[in-house]
Amino acid sequence: MDNLAILLATYNSEKFLRQQLDSLLNQSYTDWKLYIRDDGSKDKTLEIVNEYIQRDDRLYLLHDEVKGRGAKNSFLWLLEQTDSSYTMFCDHDDVWFPEKIEVTLKHMLEMEQIYPTFPVVVHTDLEVTDPELKTISPSFWEYTRLNAIVNNMRIIPVNNVVTGCTMLINKKAKEVSFPVHPDALMHDSWITLRVLSNKGIVSALPRATIFYRQHGANTLGAIKYNNSLSHRLANLKRSVALNIQIYRIANFTVGYNIFKYLKYKVLCLHAIMNYTRTNS
């Protein structure tokens, strides 16, 4: 069993992949292994991956005959294939700060001292950047107003605050994450909900550990908080469909009925609006 596994899902990743892999090789904490799954890239992704595998024996490319799994299922497939005390998730287009693993693992070990038998998720803030790594916002949580709710365990099931590329989970968190419901939105929100539904701990570390690159092709990305009426009306149809899906998963995992879901959704919006007024 590995001490710490990093899971990397790639797909046509040649543009930014070298910078991300270099940031992993430059980590202050070195006792890790990187497991990579490619989703059928048609560019030079695999050429780059194999080049780095030759450079460092901590990197492994895992073969999967199924292609087109997408980001969520790629990460969950990797999680099933690996056996480690701790697991992190790595997006192909970001850049990790040199101390990312070290500070996140330190916080995890502190949580496990307090909660030794619990499933635990640790996650951090991010620095939002443009494609050239120029800062858009030093805090993703501030940029999206997640600061208002990031520590509220009752609101998290209706508004996920955990960003997958900052997550560190312990083995107990992995064990409660399977099987996966077919309606799960993303691996990060699913694992978080399963940890909460098993009376686990979700702990937010209030420091950025990653350059979170925004380039127009992100599977998900940093969307600046916007409370204007025109914005809400333009996104109404998508918002309704998304909330139906979030409700179904919240009901399945943490047992929120429709009334509890709506209650915490309203409290979430109220907290964000109050935070915005106070910090404008």
Protein backbone atom coordinates (compact mmCIF):
# COMPACT_ATOMS: atom_id res chain seq x y z
CA MET A 1 0.00 0.00 0.00
CA ASP A 2 1.28 3.47 -0.90
CA ASN A 3 1.56 6.20 1.68
CA LEU A 4 0.09 8.83 -0.67
CA ALA A 5 -1.33 8.40 -4.17
CA ILE A 6 -1.92 11.28 -6.57
CA LEU A 7 -4.49 10.56 -9.27
CA LEU A 8 -4.22 12.38 -12.60
CA ALA A 9 -6.84 12.17 -15.35
CA THR A 10 -5.65 13.38 -18.77
CA TYR A 11 -7.36 14.09 -22.07
CA ASN A 12 -5.73 16.13 -24.85
CA SER A 13 -3.62 17.72 -22.14
CA GLU A 14 -0.41 18.58 -24.01
CA LYS A 15 -0.75 22.38 -23.67
CA PHE A 16 -0.41 22.59 -19.88
CA LEU A 17 0.67 19.10 -18.80
CA ARG A 18 4.41 19.70 -18.52
CA GLN A 19 3.92 22.60 -16.08
CA GLN A 20 1.66 20.49 -13.90
CA LEU A 21 3.99 17.50 -13.87
CA ASP A 22 6.96 19.75 -13.10
CA SER A 23 5.05 21.20 -10.14
CA LEU A 24 4.52 17.68 -8.79
CA LEU A 25 8.19 16.81 -9.15
CA ASN A 26 9.05 20.01 -7.26
CA GLN A 27 6.95 19.18 -4.20
CA SER A 28 8.62 19.60 -0.80
CA TYR A 29 6.99 16.32 0.30
CA THR A 30 8.35 13.48 -1.81
CA ASP A 31 6.82 10.21 -0.53
CA TRP A 32 4.10 9.91 -3.16
CA LYS A 33 3.22 8.02 -6.32
CA LEU A 34 1.37 9.45 -9.32
CA TYR A 35 -1.16 7.27 -11.15
CA ILE A 36 -2.32 8.50 -14.55
CA ARG A 37 -5.28 7.48 -16.66
CA ASP A 38 -5.69 8.85 -20.19
CA ASP A 39 -9.16 9.13 -21.69
CA GLY A 40 -8.15 8.62 -25.33
CA SER A 41 -6.01 11.67 -26.09
CA LYS A 42 -5.30 12.43 -29.75
CA ASP A 43 -2.49 14.93 -29.15
CA LYS A 44 0.95 14.44 -27.59
CA THR A 45 -0.33 13.79 -24.06
CA LEU A 46 0.83 10.18 -23.88
CA GLU A 47 4.20 11.09 -25.36
CA ILE A 48 4.68 13.63 -22.57
CA VAL A 49 3.47 11.18 -19.93
CA ASN A 50 5.88 8.49 -21.07
CA GLU A 51 8.73 11.00 -21.15
CA TYR A 52 8.12 11.86 -17.48
CA ILE A 53 7.71 8.20 -16.52
CA GLN A 54 11.23 7.64 -17.83
CA ARG A 55 12.46 10.54 -15.69
CA ASP A 56 10.85 9.56 -12.38
CA ASP A 57 9.92 6.09 -11.11
CA ARG A 58 7.08 7.45 -8.98
CA LEU A 59 4.91 7.91 -12.08
CA TYR A 60 2.66 5.15 -13.47
CA LEU A 61 0.33 5.05 -16.47
CA LEU A 62 -2.60 2.70 -15.84
CA HIS A 63 -4.24 1.00 -18.82
CA ASP A 64 -8.00 1.17 -19.17
CA GLU A 65 -9.68 -0.32 -22.24
CA VAL A 66 -12.73 1.90 -21.80
CA LYS A 67 -12.37 5.37 -23.35
CA GLY A 68 -14.57 8.42 -22.94
CA ARG A 69 -15.25 8.01 -19.23
CA GLY A 70 -15.01 11.76 -18.62
CA ALA A 71 -13.39 13.48 -15.65
CA LYS A 72 -15.64 12.19 -12.86
CA ASN A 73 -15.49 8.53 -13.86
CA SER A 74 -11.79 8.70 -14.73
CA PHE A 75 -10.93 9.84 -11.22
CA LEU A 76 -13.25 7.31 -9.60
CA TRP A 77 -11.78 4.52 -11.76
CA LEU A 78 -8.28 5.53 -10.65
CA LEU A 79 -9.43 5.60 -7.03
CA GLU A 80 -10.67 2.01 -7.36
CA GLN A 81 -7.38 0.82 -8.89
CA THR A 82 -5.09 2.23 -6.21
CA ASP A 83 -4.43 1.37 -2.58
CA SER A 84 -3.01 4.09 -0.36
CA SER A 85 -3.29 5.61 3.09
CA TYR A 86 -4.05 8.99 1.52
CA THR A 87 -5.21 10.12 -1.92
CA MET A 88 -5.09 13.43 -3.80
CA PHE A 89 -6.66 14.36 -7.14
CA CYS A 90 -4.74 16.26 -9.81
CA ASP A 91 -6.16 18.20 -12.76
CA HIS A 92 -3.93 18.29 -15.84
CA ASP A 93 -4.09 22.07 -16.38
CA ASP A 94 -3.25 23.53 -12.96
CA VAL A 95 0.05 24.16 -11.18
CA TRP A 96 0.63 23.07 -7.57
CA PHE A 97 2.46 25.26 -5.08
CA PRO A 98 5.67 23.50 -3.90
CA GLU A 99 4.32 22.96 -0.38
CA LYS A 100 0.83 21.79 -1.42
CA ILE A 101 1.16 18.17 -0.38
CA GLU A 102 3.15 18.98 2.76
CA VAL A 103 0.70 21.49 4.26
CA THR A 104 -2.41 19.55 3.26
CA LEU A 105 -1.10 16.28 4.69
CA LYS A 106 -0.04 18.06 7.89
CA HIS A 107 -3.60 19.31 8.31
CA MET A 108 -4.97 15.82 7.60
CA LEU A 109 -2.76 14.30 10.29
CA GLU A 110 -3.96 16.94 12.75
CA MET A 111 -7.58 16.06 11.94
CA GLU A 112 -6.86 12.35 12.36
CA GLN A 113 -5.36 13.01 15.79
CA ILE A 114 -8.70 14.48 16.81
CA TYR A 115 -10.88 12.05 14.84
CA PRO A 116 -8.81 8.83 14.59
CA THR A 117 -11.59 6.55 13.34
CA PHE A 118 -13.39 8.94 11.01
CA PRO A 119 -13.40 9.33 7.23
CA VAL A 120 -11.79 12.72 6.55
CA VAL A 121 -11.66 15.12 3.61
CA VAL A 122 -9.24 18.05 3.73
CA HIS A 123 -9.45 20.74 1.06
CA THR A 124 -7.90 24.16 0.49
CA ASP A 125 -8.41 27.50 -1.19
CA LEU A 126 -7.01 28.17 -4.70
CA GLU A 127 -5.46 31.11 -6.54
CA VAL A 128 -7.48 31.79 -9.69
CA THR A 129 -5.38 32.61 -12.77
CA ASP A 130 -5.66 33.16 -16.50
CA PRO A 131 -4.03 30.74 -18.99
CA GLU A 132 -0.63 32.43 -18.49
CA LEU A 133 -0.90 32.07 -14.68
CA LYS A 134 -1.57 35.77 -14.15
CA THR A 135 -3.66 36.19 -11.02
CA ILE A 136 -7.36 36.86 -11.44
CA SER A 137 -8.05 36.43 -7.73
CA PRO A 138 -5.75 35.28 -4.91
CA SER A 139 -8.70 33.44 -3.36
CA PHE A 140 -11.17 31.20 -5.19
CA TRP A 141 -13.32 31.17 -2.06
CA GLU A 142 -13.51 34.97 -2.08
CA TYR A 143 -14.01 35.14 -5.84
CA THR A 144 -17.02 32.80 -5.71
CA ARG A 145 -18.18 33.87 -2.23
CA LEU A 146 -17.69 30.35 -0.88
CA ASN A 147 -16.04 32.02 2.14
CA ALA A 148 -19.57 32.52 3.43
CA ILE A 149 -20.35 28.80 3.62
CA VAL A 150 -17.08 26.87 3.41
CA ASN A 151 -17.28 25.68 7.04
CA ASN A 152 -21.03 25.02 7.22
CA MET A 153 -21.45 21.23 7.11
CA ARG A 154 -25.25 21.49 6.79
CA ILE A 155 -25.07 23.70 3.71
CA ILE A 156 -22.38 21.70 1.86
CA PRO A 157 -24.89 19.04 0.65
CA VAL A 158 -26.85 21.73 -1.22
CA ASN A 159 -23.82 23.73 -2.41
CA ASN A 160 -20.54 21.86 -2.74
CA VAL A 161 -17.50 23.82 -1.54
CA VAL A 162 -14.83 21.15 -2.05
CA THR A 163 -12.71 21.53 -5.18
CA GLY A 164 -11.37 18.16 -6.31
CA CYS A 165 -7.88 19.37 -7.22
CA THR A 166 -7.32 20.51 -3.62
CA MET A 167 -8.74 17.41 -1.93
CA LEU A 168 -6.86 15.01 0.28
CA ILE A 169 -8.82 12.01 1.57
CA ASN A 170 -7.85 9.28 3.98
CA LYS A 171 -8.41 5.56 3.43
CA LYS A 172 -11.64 5.56 5.43
CA ALA A 173 -13.05 8.27 3.15
CA LYS A 174 -12.24 6.13 0.12
CA GLU A 175 -13.91 3.09 1.68
CA VAL A 176 -17.25 4.90 2.12
CA SER A 177 -17.18 6.35 -1.43
CA PHE A 178 -18.15 3.13 -3.25
CA PRO A 179 -20.41 2.13 -4.86
CA VAL A 180 -21.11 5.38 -6.73
CA HIS A 181 -24.64 6.53 -7.49
CA PRO A 182 -25.19 7.02 -11.27
CA ASP A 183 -26.51 10.56 -10.67
CA ALA A 184 -23.36 11.71 -8.83
CA LEU A 185 -22.30 15.07 -10.25
CA MET A 186 -18.52 14.95 -9.80
CA HIS A 187 -16.06 12.84 -7.82
CA ASP A 188 -15.32 15.65 -5.35
CA SER A 189 -18.92 16.38 -4.36
CA TRP A 190 -19.78 12.65 -4.27
CA ILE A 191 -16.90 11.75 -1.94
CA THR A 192 -17.70 14.75 0.25
CA LEU A 193 -21.35 13.74 0.59
CA ARG A 194 -20.46 10.14 1.37
CA VAL A 195 -18.05 11.28 4.07
CA LEU A 196 -20.71 13.55 5.61
CA SER A 197 -23.34 10.81 5.43
CA ASN A 198 -20.96 8.53 7.35
CA LYS A 199 -20.48 11.11 10.13
CA GLY A 200 -17.06 12.04 8.77
CA ILE A 201 -15.09 15.28 8.75
CA VAL A 202 -14.74 17.83 5.96
CA SER A 203 -12.06 20.32 6.96
CA ALA A 204 -11.23 23.50 5.03
CA LEU A 205 -7.66 24.78 5.13
CA PRO A 206 -7.83 28.55 4.47
CA ARG A 207 -4.81 28.96 2.25
CA ALA A 208 -4.30 28.64 -1.48
CA THR A 209 -2.16 25.67 -2.52
CA ILE A 210 -2.64 25.73 -6.27
CA PHE A 211 -2.76 27.98 -9.33
CA TYR A 212 -6.28 27.27 -10.63
CA ARG A 213 -5.94 28.01 -14.33
CA GLN A 214 -9.00 29.30 -16.21
CA HIS A 215 -8.76 28.83 -19.98
CA GLY A 216 -12.23 28.28 -21.41
CA ALA A 217 -11.94 24.49 -21.68
CA ASN A 218 -12.19 23.61 -17.98
CA THR A 219 -14.60 20.80 -17.15
CA LEU A 220 -15.69 23.04 -14.29
CA GLY A 221 -14.15 26.36 -13.34
CA ALA A 222 -14.20 29.48 -11.24
CA ILE A 223 -17.37 31.45 -11.87
CA LYS A 224 -17.34 34.86 -10.25
CA TYR A 225 -20.29 35.46 -7.93
CA ASN A 226 -22.99 37.41 -9.76
CA ASN A 227 -26.32 38.20 -8.11
CA SER A 228 -27.81 40.38 -10.84
CA LEU A 229 -31.38 39.65 -11.97
CA SER A 230 -30.34 39.31 -15.63
CA HIS A 231 -27.70 36.74 -14.71
CA ARG A 232 -30.13 34.72 -12.62
CA LEU A 233 -32.82 34.77 -15.34
CA ALA A 234 -30.34 33.76 -18.05
CA ASN A 235 -29.27 30.76 -16.00
CA LEU A 236 -32.69 29.83 -14.62
CA LYS A 237 -33.32 26.72 -16.74
CA ARG A 238 -29.86 25.31 -16.10
CA SER A 239 -30.10 26.19 -12.40
CA VAL A 240 -33.42 24.38 -11.97
CA ALA A 241 -32.12 21.22 -13.68
CA LEU A 242 -28.92 21.29 -11.65
CA ASN A 243 -30.77 21.76 -8.36
CA ILE A 244 -33.02 18.80 -9.11
CA GLN A 245 -29.93 16.64 -9.57
CA ILE A 246 -28.24 18.04 -6.45
CA TYR A 247 -31.42 17.42 -4.45
CA ARG A 248 -31.61 13.79 -5.58
CA ILE A 249 -28.05 13.13 -4.46
CA ALA A 250 -28.48 15.04 -1.19
CA ASN A 251 -31.59 13.00 -0.49
CA PHE A 252 -29.83 9.74 -1.31
CA THR A 253 -26.67 10.44 0.71
CA VAL A 254 -27.48 12.63 3.70
CA GLY A 255 -31.25 12.12 3.74
CA TYR A 256 -32.34 15.69 3.01
CA ASN A 257 -36.04 15.74 2.11
CA ILE A 258 -37.30 18.50 -0.15
CA PHE A 259 -38.14 20.80 2.77
CA LYS A 260 -34.72 20.45 4.38
CA TYR A 261 -33.04 20.90 1.00
CA LEU A 262 -34.94 24.14 0.35
CA LYS A 263 -34.27 25.34 3.89
CA TYR A 264 -30.52 25.00 3.54
CA LYS A 265 -30.58 26.37 -0.01
CA VAL A 266 -32.25 29.52 1.29
CA LEU A 267 -29.78 29.73 4.20
CA CYS A 268 -26.93 29.31 1.70
CA LEU A 269 -28.13 32.16 -0.50
CA HIS A 270 -28.76 34.34 2.55
CA ALA A 271 -25.26 33.71 3.90
CA ILE A 272 -23.65 34.53 0.54
CA MET A 273 -25.68 37.71 0.08
CA ASN A 274 -24.87 38.88 3.62
CA TYR A 275 -21.18 38.16 3.05
CA THR A 276 -21.27 40.08 -0.22
CA ARG A 277 -22.90 43.13 1.39
CA THR A 278 -20.47 43.09 4.31
CA ASN A 279 -17.36 42.68 2.15
CA SER A 280 -18.23 44.88 -0.83
